[in-house]
Amino acid sequence: MHKYGDCSFCGGEVKGEKVELDYRYKGKLYVFQNVPAGVCQQCGEKYLTAEVAKKIENRIQTKQKWDKTIAVPVDVFIEGVVV
């Protein structure tokens, strides 16, 4: 198991877990399930090892058939909306 250290954002404890990860690559959104990652127990920030990140990018570049495809709702805000 990888030792992640403390969270660089809030200082919380980071523990290894399996997570669902939304990953944007070259303008497209990919969703990976069961990804080994470090997760801050305080703020929820996720950390990947270099090895996991490289495997994800390799899968995106080489995978011909994906396990699932999902529809994602998209909304475009109109001008004049005050925040």
PDB file of N, CA and C in Angstrom:
ATOM      1  N   MET A   1       0.859  -1.185   0.000  1.00  0.00           N
ATOM      2  CA  MET A   1       0.000   0.000   0.000  1.00  0.00           C
ATOM      3  C   MET A   1       0.896   1.237   0.000  1.00  0.00           C
ATOM      4  N   HIS A   2       0.523   2.234  -0.797  1.00  0.00           N
ATOM      5  CA  HIS A   2       1.303   3.458  -0.923  1.00  0.00           C
ATOM      6  C   HIS A   2       1.080   4.373   0.282  1.00  0.00           C
ATOM      7  N   LYS A   3       2.121   5.035   0.730  1.00  0.00           N
ATOM      8  CA  LYS A   3       2.029   6.030   1.808  1.00  0.00           C
ATOM      9  C   LYS A   3       1.877   7.400   1.164  1.00  0.00           C
ATOM     10  N   TYR A   4       0.728   8.031   1.342  1.00  0.00           N
ATOM     11  CA  TYR A   4       0.436   9.302   0.681  1.00  0.00           C
ATOM     12  C   TYR A   4       0.896  10.526   1.458  1.00  0.00           C
ATOM     13  N   GLY A   5       1.075  10.429   2.752  1.00  0.00           N
ATOM     14  CA  GLY A   5       1.390  11.604   3.544  1.00  0.00           C
ATOM     15  C   GLY A   5       0.125  12.381   3.846  1.00  0.00           C
ATOM     16  N   ASP A   6       0.271  13.584   4.349  1.00  0.00           N
ATOM     17  CA  ASP A   6      -0.888  14.404   4.689  1.00  0.00           C
ATOM     18  C   ASP A   6      -1.372  15.192   3.477  1.00  0.00           C
ATOM     19  N   CYS A   7      -2.622  15.626   3.516  1.00  0.00           N
ATOM     20  CA  CYS A   7      -3.238  16.397   2.431  1.00  0.00           C
ATOM     21  C   CYS A   7      -2.516  17.738   2.266  1.00  0.00           C
ATOM     22  N   SER A   8      -2.187  18.060   1.031  1.00  0.00           N
ATOM     23  CA  SER A   8      -1.491  19.324   0.773  1.00  0.00           C
ATOM     24  C   SER A   8      -2.431  20.527   0.821  1.00  0.00           C
ATOM     25  N   PHE A   9      -3.753  20.286   0.861  1.00  0.00           N
ATOM     26  CA  PHE A   9      -4.713  21.391   0.923  1.00  0.00           C
ATOM     27  C   PHE A   9      -5.119  21.729   2.348  1.00  0.00           C
ATOM     28  N   CYS A  10      -5.455  20.692   3.136  1.00  0.00           N
ATOM     29  CA  CYS A  10      -5.982  20.975   4.479  1.00  0.00           C
ATOM     30  C   CYS A  10      -5.152  20.339   5.600  1.00  0.00           C
ATOM     31  N   GLY A  11      -4.194  19.488   5.250  1.00  0.00           N
ATOM     32  CA  GLY A  11      -3.368  18.841   6.258  1.00  0.00           C
ATOM     33  C   GLY A  11      -3.974  17.587   6.850  1.00  0.00           C
ATOM     34  N   GLY A  12      -5.149  17.170   6.358  1.00  0.00           N
ATOM     35  CA  GLY A  12      -5.822  15.979   6.878  1.00  0.00           C
ATOM     36  C   GLY A  12      -5.103  14.693   6.514  1.00  0.00           C
ATOM     37  N   GLU A  13      -5.520  13.612   7.141  1.00  0.00           N
ATOM     38  CA  GLU A  13      -4.933  12.296   6.886  1.00  0.00           C
ATOM     39  C   GLU A  13      -5.430  11.751   5.549  1.00  0.00           C
ATOM     40  N   VAL A  14      -4.517  11.235   4.733  1.00  0.00           N
ATOM     41  CA  VAL A  14      -4.861  10.650   3.437  1.00  0.00           C
ATOM     42  C   VAL A  14      -4.720   9.138   3.541  1.00  0.00           C
ATOM     43  N   LYS A  15      -5.831   8.432   3.214  1.00  0.00           N
ATOM     44  CA  LYS A  15      -5.845   6.971   3.277  1.00  0.00           C
ATOM     45  C   LYS A  15      -6.094   6.395   1.893  1.00  0.00           C
ATOM     46  N   GLY A  16      -5.526   5.219   1.634  1.00  0.00           N
ATOM     47  CA  GLY A  16      -5.745   4.531   0.376  1.00  0.00           C
ATOM     48  C   GLY A  16      -7.147   3.952   0.297  1.00  0.00           C
ATOM     49  N   GLU A  17      -7.834   4.192  -0.828  1.00  0.00           N
ATOM     50  CA  GLU A  17      -9.187   3.688  -1.064  1.00  0.00           C
ATOM     51  C   GLU A  17      -9.341   3.371  -2.547  1.00  0.00           C
ATOM     52  N   LYS A  18     -10.430   2.718  -2.904  1.00  0.00           N
ATOM     53  CA  LYS A  18     -10.820   2.517  -4.301  1.00  0.00           C
ATOM     54  C   LYS A  18     -11.925   3.532  -4.583  1.00  0.00           C
ATOM     55  N   VAL A  19     -11.760   4.341  -5.629  1.00  0.00           N
ATOM     56  CA  VAL A  19     -12.692   5.441  -5.888  1.00  0.00           C
ATOM     57  C   VAL A  19     -13.166   5.432  -7.341  1.00  0.00           C
ATOM     58  N   GLU A  20     -14.218   6.195  -7.589  1.00  0.00           N
ATOM     59  CA  GLU A  20     -14.635   6.508  -8.948  1.00  0.00           C
ATOM     60  C   GLU A  20     -13.976   7.828  -9.305  1.00  0.00           C
ATOM     61  N   LEU A  21     -13.391   7.898 -10.490  1.00  0.00           N
ATOM     62  CA  LEU A  21     -12.606   9.066 -10.863  1.00  0.00           C
ATOM     63  C   LEU A  21     -13.081   9.632 -12.194  1.00  0.00           C
ATOM     64  N   ASP A  22     -13.436  10.906 -12.208  1.00  0.00           N
ATOM     65  CA  ASP A  22     -13.732  11.625 -13.454  1.00  0.00           C
ATOM     66  C   ASP A  22     -12.419  12.186 -13.957  1.00  0.00           C
ATOM     67  N   TYR A  23     -12.069  11.868 -15.202  1.00  0.00           N
ATOM     68  CA  TYR A  23     -10.761  12.236 -15.737  1.00  0.00           C
ATOM     69  C   TYR A  23     -10.950  12.907 -17.085  1.00  0.00           C
ATOM     70  N   ARG A  24     -10.514  14.131 -17.196  1.00  0.00           N
ATOM     71  CA  ARG A  24     -10.626  14.862 -18.465  1.00  0.00           C
ATOM     72  C   ARG A  24      -9.307  14.779 -19.210  1.00  0.00           C
ATOM     73  N   TYR A  25      -9.406  14.398 -20.499  1.00  0.00           N
ATOM     74  CA  TYR A  25      -8.213  14.234 -21.313  1.00  0.00           C
ATOM     75  C   TYR A  25      -8.520  14.712 -22.725  1.00  0.00           C
ATOM     76  N   LYS A  26      -7.784  15.709 -23.164  1.00  0.00           N
ATOM     77  CA  LYS A  26      -7.942  16.279 -24.507  1.00  0.00           C
ATOM     78  C   LYS A  26      -9.399  16.621 -24.822  1.00  0.00           C
ATOM     79  N   GLY A  27     -10.058  17.289 -23.873  1.00  0.00           N
ATOM     80  CA  GLY A  27     -11.415  17.783 -24.083  1.00  0.00           C
ATOM     81  C   GLY A  27     -12.524  16.760 -23.914  1.00  0.00           C
ATOM     82  N   LYS A  28     -12.194  15.540 -23.525  1.00  0.00           N
ATOM     83  CA  LYS A  28     -13.208  14.510 -23.321  1.00  0.00           C
ATOM     84  C   LYS A  28     -13.211  14.090 -21.856  1.00  0.00           C
ATOM     85  N   LEU A  29     -14.383  13.628 -21.405  1.00  0.00           N
ATOM     86  CA  LEU A  29     -14.544  13.174 -20.029  1.00  0.00           C
ATOM     87  C   LEU A  29     -14.579  11.647 -20.006  1.00  0.00           C
ATOM     88  N   TYR A  30     -13.749  11.057 -19.162  1.00  0.00           N
ATOM     89  CA  TYR A  30     -13.717   9.607 -18.967  1.00  0.00           C
ATOM     90  C   TYR A  30     -14.009   9.332 -17.496  1.00  0.00           C
ATOM     91  N   VAL A  31     -14.731   8.270 -17.221  1.00  0.00           N
ATOM     92  CA  VAL A  31     -15.029   7.880 -15.849  1.00  0.00           C
ATOM     93  C   VAL A  31     -14.390   6.516 -15.605  1.00  0.00           C
ATOM     94  N   PHE A  32     -13.561   6.430 -14.574  1.00  0.00           N
ATOM     95  CA  PHE A  32     -12.912   5.187 -14.192  1.00  0.00           C
ATOM     96  C   PHE A  32     -13.438   4.768 -12.828  1.00  0.00           C
ATOM     97  N   GLN A  33     -13.783   3.496 -12.697  1.00  0.00           N
ATOM     98  CA  GLN A  33     -14.271   2.962 -11.428  1.00  0.00           C
ATOM     99  C   GLN A  33     -13.215   2.055 -10.815  1.00  0.00           C
ATOM    100  N   ASN A  34     -13.265   1.948  -9.489  1.00  0.00           N
ATOM    101  CA  ASN A  34     -12.380   1.051  -8.743  1.00  0.00           C
ATOM    102  C   ASN A  34     -10.902   1.445  -8.873  1.00  0.00           C
ATOM    103  N   VAL A  35     -10.631   2.742  -8.863  1.00  0.00           N
ATOM    104  CA  VAL A  35      -9.274   3.268  -9.021  1.00  0.00           C
ATOM    105  C   VAL A  35      -8.595   3.370  -7.651  1.00  0.00           C
ATOM    106  N   PRO A  36      -7.393   2.814  -7.508  1.00  0.00           N
ATOM    107  CA  PRO A  36      -6.671   2.992  -6.245  1.00  0.00           C
ATOM    108  C   PRO A  36      -6.176   4.435  -6.128  1.00  0.00           C
ATOM    109  N   ALA A  37      -6.554   5.093  -5.041  1.00  0.00           N
ATOM    110  CA  ALA A  37      -6.188   6.499  -4.851  1.00  0.00           C
ATOM    111  C   ALA A  37      -6.076   6.792  -3.364  1.00  0.00           C
ATOM    112  N   GLY A  38      -5.381   7.876  -3.053  1.00  0.00           N
ATOM    113  CA  GLY A  38      -5.364   8.379  -1.694  1.00  0.00           C
ATOM    114  C   GLY A  38      -6.488   9.393  -1.561  1.00  0.00           C
ATOM    115  N   VAL A  39      -7.259   9.304  -0.488  1.00  0.00           N
ATOM    116  CA  VAL A  39      -8.375  10.224  -0.269  1.00  0.00           C
ATOM    117  C   VAL A  39      -8.222  10.881   1.092  1.00  0.00           C
ATOM    118  N   CYS A  40      -8.253  12.223   1.094  1.00  0.00           N
ATOM    119  CA  CYS A  40      -8.168  12.951   2.358  1.00  0.00           C
ATOM    120  C   CYS A  40      -9.437  12.703   3.163  1.00  0.00           C
ATOM    121  N   GLN A  41      -9.258  12.287   4.398  1.00  0.00           N
ATOM    122  CA  GLN A  41     -10.385  11.978   5.262  1.00  0.00           C
ATOM    123  C   GLN A  41     -11.086  13.233   5.771  1.00  0.00           C
ATOM    124  N   GLN A  42     -10.469  14.392   5.568  1.00  0.00           N
ATOM    125  CA  GLN A  42     -11.049  15.649   6.046  1.00  0.00           C
ATOM    126  C   GLN A  42     -11.765  16.408   4.936  1.00  0.00           C
ATOM    127  N   CYS A  43     -11.094  16.608   3.785  1.00  0.00           N
ATOM    128  CA  CYS A  43     -11.688  17.434   2.726  1.00  0.00           C
ATOM    129  C   CYS A  43     -12.087  16.656   1.476  1.00  0.00           C
ATOM    130  N   GLY A  44     -11.647  15.379   1.355  1.00  0.00           N
ATOM    131  CA  GLY A  44     -12.040  14.556   0.218  1.00  0.00           C
ATOM    132  C   GLY A  44     -11.145  14.660  -1.004  1.00  0.00           C
ATOM    133  N   GLU A  45     -10.080  15.460  -0.945  1.00  0.00           N
ATOM    134  CA  GLU A  45      -9.160  15.576  -2.083  1.00  0.00           C
ATOM    135  C   GLU A  45      -8.598  14.204  -2.426  1.00  0.00           C
ATOM    136  N   LYS A  46      -8.478  13.925  -3.754  1.00  0.00           N
ATOM    137  CA  LYS A  46      -7.978  12.628  -4.212  1.00  0.00           C
ATOM    138  C   LYS A  46      -6.561  12.778  -4.752  1.00  0.00           C
ATOM    139  N   TYR A  47      -5.739  11.760  -4.488  1.00  0.00           N
ATOM    140  CA  TYR A  47      -4.355  11.733  -4.955  1.00  0.00           C
ATOM    141  C   TYR A  47      -4.104  10.434  -5.707  1.00  0.00           C
ATOM    142  N   LEU A  48      -3.444  10.541  -6.859  1.00  0.00           N
ATOM    143  CA  LEU A  48      -3.060   9.370  -7.640  1.00  0.00           C
ATOM    144  C   LEU A  48      -1.547   9.228  -7.605  1.00  0.00           C
ATOM    145  N   THR A  49      -1.071   8.003  -7.618  1.00  0.00           N
ATOM    146  CA  THR A  49       0.360   7.796  -7.796  1.00  0.00           C
ATOM    147  C   THR A  49       0.673   8.018  -9.274  1.00  0.00           C
ATOM    148  N   ALA A  50       1.931   8.263  -9.591  1.00  0.00           N
ATOM    149  CA  ALA A  50       2.340   8.439 -10.990  1.00  0.00           C
ATOM    150  C   ALA A  50       2.014   7.191 -11.799  1.00  0.00           C
ATOM    151  N   GLU A  51       2.193   6.018 -11.200  1.00  0.00           N
ATOM    152  CA  GLU A  51       1.912   4.761 -11.898  1.00  0.00           C
ATOM    153  C   GLU A  51       0.443   4.654 -12.299  1.00  0.00           C
ATOM    154  N   VAL A  52      -0.465   4.994 -11.386  1.00  0.00           N
ATOM    155  CA  VAL A  52      -1.899   4.928 -11.682  1.00  0.00           C
ATOM    156  C   VAL A  52      -2.262   5.946 -12.754  1.00  0.00           C
ATOM    157  N   ALA A  53      -1.742   7.170 -12.649  1.00  0.00           N
ATOM    158  CA  ALA A  53      -2.037   8.202 -13.651  1.00  0.00           C
ATOM    159  C   ALA A  53      -1.561   7.772 -15.039  1.00  0.00           C
ATOM    160  N   LYS A  54      -0.383   7.163 -15.125  1.00  0.00           N
ATOM    161  CA  LYS A  54       0.133   6.686 -16.412  1.00  0.00           C
ATOM    162  C   LYS A  54      -0.740   5.571 -16.973  1.00  0.00           C
ATOM    163  N   LYS A  55      -1.212   4.666 -16.116  1.00  0.00           N
ATOM    164  CA  LYS A  55      -2.083   3.576 -16.571  1.00  0.00           C
ATOM    165  C   LYS A  55      -3.405   4.128 -17.105  1.00  0.00           C
ATOM    166  N   ILE A  56      -3.949   5.148 -16.447  1.00  0.00           N
ATOM    167  CA  ILE A  56      -5.200   5.760 -16.907  1.00  0.00           C
ATOM    168  C   ILE A  56      -4.997   6.379 -18.287  1.00  0.00           C
ATOM    169  N   GLU A  57      -3.949   7.168 -18.455  1.00  0.00           N
ATOM    170  CA  GLU A  57      -3.695   7.788 -19.763  1.00  0.00           C
ATOM    171  C   GLU A  57      -3.438   6.737 -20.833  1.00  0.00           C
ATOM    172  N   ASN A  58      -2.743   5.670 -20.500  1.00  0.00           N
ATOM    173  CA  ASN A  58      -2.495   4.600 -21.460  1.00  0.00           C
ATOM    174  C   ASN A  58      -3.799   3.931 -21.880  1.00  0.00           C
ATOM    175  N   ARG A  59      -4.701   3.699 -20.936  1.00  0.00           N
ATOM    176  CA  ARG A  59      -5.999   3.096 -21.271  1.00  0.00           C
ATOM    177  C   ARG A  59      -6.797   4.001 -22.196  1.00  0.00           C
ATOM    178  N   ILE A  60      -6.769   5.302 -21.926  1.00  0.00           N
ATOM    179  CA  ILE A  60      -7.496   6.241 -22.786  1.00  0.00           C
ATOM    180  C   ILE A  60      -6.944   6.197 -24.207  1.00  0.00           C
ATOM    181  N   GLN A  61      -5.638   6.141 -24.335  1.00  0.00           N
ATOM    182  CA  GLN A  61      -5.004   6.182 -25.654  1.00  0.00           C
ATOM    183  C   GLN A  61      -5.114   4.866 -26.419  1.00  0.00           C
ATOM    184  N   THR A  62      -5.248   3.746 -25.728  1.00  0.00           N
ATOM    185  CA  THR A  62      -5.178   2.457 -26.425  1.00  0.00           C
ATOM    186  C   THR A  62      -6.461   1.629 -26.386  1.00  0.00           C
ATOM    187  N   LYS A  63      -7.383   1.922 -25.486  1.00  0.00           N
ATOM    188  CA  LYS A  63      -8.570   1.078 -25.337  1.00  0.00           C
ATOM    189  C   LYS A  63      -9.523   1.288 -26.513  1.00  0.00           C
ATOM    190  N   GLN A  64      -9.887   0.213 -27.162  1.00  0.00           N
ATOM    191  CA  GLN A  64     -10.771   0.277 -28.324  1.00  0.00           C
ATOM    192  C   GLN A  64     -12.248   0.223 -27.930  1.00  0.00           C
ATOM    193  N   LYS A  65     -12.587  -0.620 -26.968  1.00  0.00           N
ATOM    194  CA  LYS A  65     -13.981  -0.790 -26.560  1.00  0.00           C
ATOM    195  C   LYS A  65     -14.076  -0.560 -25.057  1.00  0.00           C
ATOM    196  N   TRP A  66     -14.941   0.348 -24.680  1.00  0.00           N
ATOM    197  CA  TRP A  66     -15.110   0.681 -23.261  1.00  0.00           C
ATOM    198  C   TRP A  66     -16.195  -0.187 -22.648  1.00  0.00           C
ATOM    199  N   ASP A  67     -16.111  -0.416 -21.339  1.00  0.00           N
ATOM    200  CA  ASP A  67     -17.067  -1.281 -20.643  1.00  0.00           C
ATOM    201  C   ASP A  67     -18.480  -0.711 -20.644  1.00  0.00           C
ATOM    202  N   LYS A  68     -18.597   0.604 -20.495  1.00  0.00           N
ATOM    203  CA  LYS A  68     -19.903   1.273 -20.445  1.00  0.00           C
ATOM    204  C   LYS A  68     -19.784   2.644 -21.093  1.00  0.00           C
ATOM    205  N   THR A  69     -20.919   3.178 -21.523  1.00  0.00           N
ATOM    206  CA  THR A  69     -21.007   4.565 -21.956  1.00  0.00           C
ATOM    207  C   THR A  69     -22.231   5.163 -21.272  1.00  0.00           C
ATOM    208  N   ILE A  70     -22.088   6.387 -20.752  1.00  0.00           N
ATOM    209  CA  ILE A  70     -23.215   7.036 -20.085  1.00  0.00           C
ATOM    210  C   ILE A  70     -23.478   8.392 -20.733  1.00  0.00           C
ATOM    211  N   ALA A  71     -24.719   8.845 -20.652  1.00  0.00           N
ATOM    212  CA  ALA A  71     -25.075  10.182 -21.120  1.00  0.00           C
ATOM    213  C   ALA A  71     -24.857  11.157 -19.974  1.00  0.00           C
ATOM    214  N   VAL A  72     -24.303  12.326 -20.300  1.00  0.00           N
ATOM    215  CA  VAL A  72     -24.039  13.339 -19.283  1.00  0.00           C
ATOM    216  C   VAL A  72     -24.817  14.601 -19.636  1.00  0.00           C
ATOM    217  N   PRO A  73     -25.713  15.055 -18.748  1.00  0.00           N
ATOM    218  CA  PRO A  73     -26.448  16.296 -19.022  1.00  0.00           C
ATOM    219  C   PRO A  73     -25.499  17.495 -19.032  1.00  0.00           C
ATOM    220  N   VAL A  74     -25.726  18.424 -19.961  1.00  0.00           N
ATOM    221  CA  VAL A  74     -24.904  19.627 -20.073  1.00  0.00           C
ATOM    222  C   VAL A  74     -25.841  20.823 -20.133  1.00  0.00           C
ATOM    223  N   ASP A  75     -25.524  21.879 -19.380  1.00  0.00           N
ATOM    224  CA  ASP A  75     -26.310  23.108 -19.390  1.00  0.00           C
ATOM    225  C   ASP A  75     -25.372  24.271 -19.661  1.00  0.00           C
ATOM    226  N   VAL A  76     -25.809  25.209 -20.495  1.00  0.00           N
ATOM    227  CA  VAL A  76     -25.019  26.396 -20.805  1.00  0.00           C
ATOM    228  C   VAL A  76     -25.717  27.593 -20.171  1.00  0.00           C
ATOM    229  N   PHE A  77     -24.998  28.312 -19.323  1.00  0.00           N
ATOM    230  CA  PHE A  77     -25.570  29.487 -18.683  1.00  0.00           C
ATOM    231  C   PHE A  77     -25.718  30.610 -19.705  1.00  0.00           C
ATOM    232  N   ILE A  78     -26.810  31.370 -19.570  1.00  0.00           N
ATOM    233  CA  ILE A  78     -27.048  32.484 -20.469  1.00  0.00           C
ATOM    234  C   ILE A  78     -26.431  33.749 -19.881  1.00  0.00           C
ATOM    235  N   GLU A  79     -26.127  34.691 -20.759  1.00  0.00           N
ATOM    236  CA  GLU A  79     -25.559  35.966 -20.283  1.00  0.00           C
ATOM    237  C   GLU A  79     -26.562  36.672 -19.396  1.00  0.00           C
ATOM    238  N   GLY A  80     -26.058  37.510 -18.524  1.00  0.00           N
ATOM    239  CA  GLY A  80     -26.911  38.297 -17.656  1.00  0.00           C
ATOM    240  C   GLY A  80     -27.214  37.624 -16.329  1.00  0.00           C
ATOM    241  N   VAL A  81     -26.754  36.404 -16.122  1.00  0.00           N
ATOM    242  CA  VAL A  81     -26.963  35.744 -14.844  1.00  0.00           C
ATOM    243  C   VAL A  81     -26.014  36.365 -13.836  1.00  0.00           C
ATOM    244  N   VAL A  82     -26.558  36.866 -12.734  1.00  0.00           N
ATOM    245  CA  VAL A  82     -25.752  37.514 -11.706  1.00  0.00           C
ATOM    246  C   VAL A  82     -25.429  36.510 -10.619  1.00  0.00           C
ATOM    247  N   VAL A  83     -24.166  36.472 -10.251  1.00  0.00           N
ATOM    248  CA  VAL A  83     -23.747  35.530  -9.213  1.00  0.00           C
ATOM    249  C   VAL A  83     -23.706  36.243  -7.890  1.00  0.00           C
TER     250      VAL A  83
END
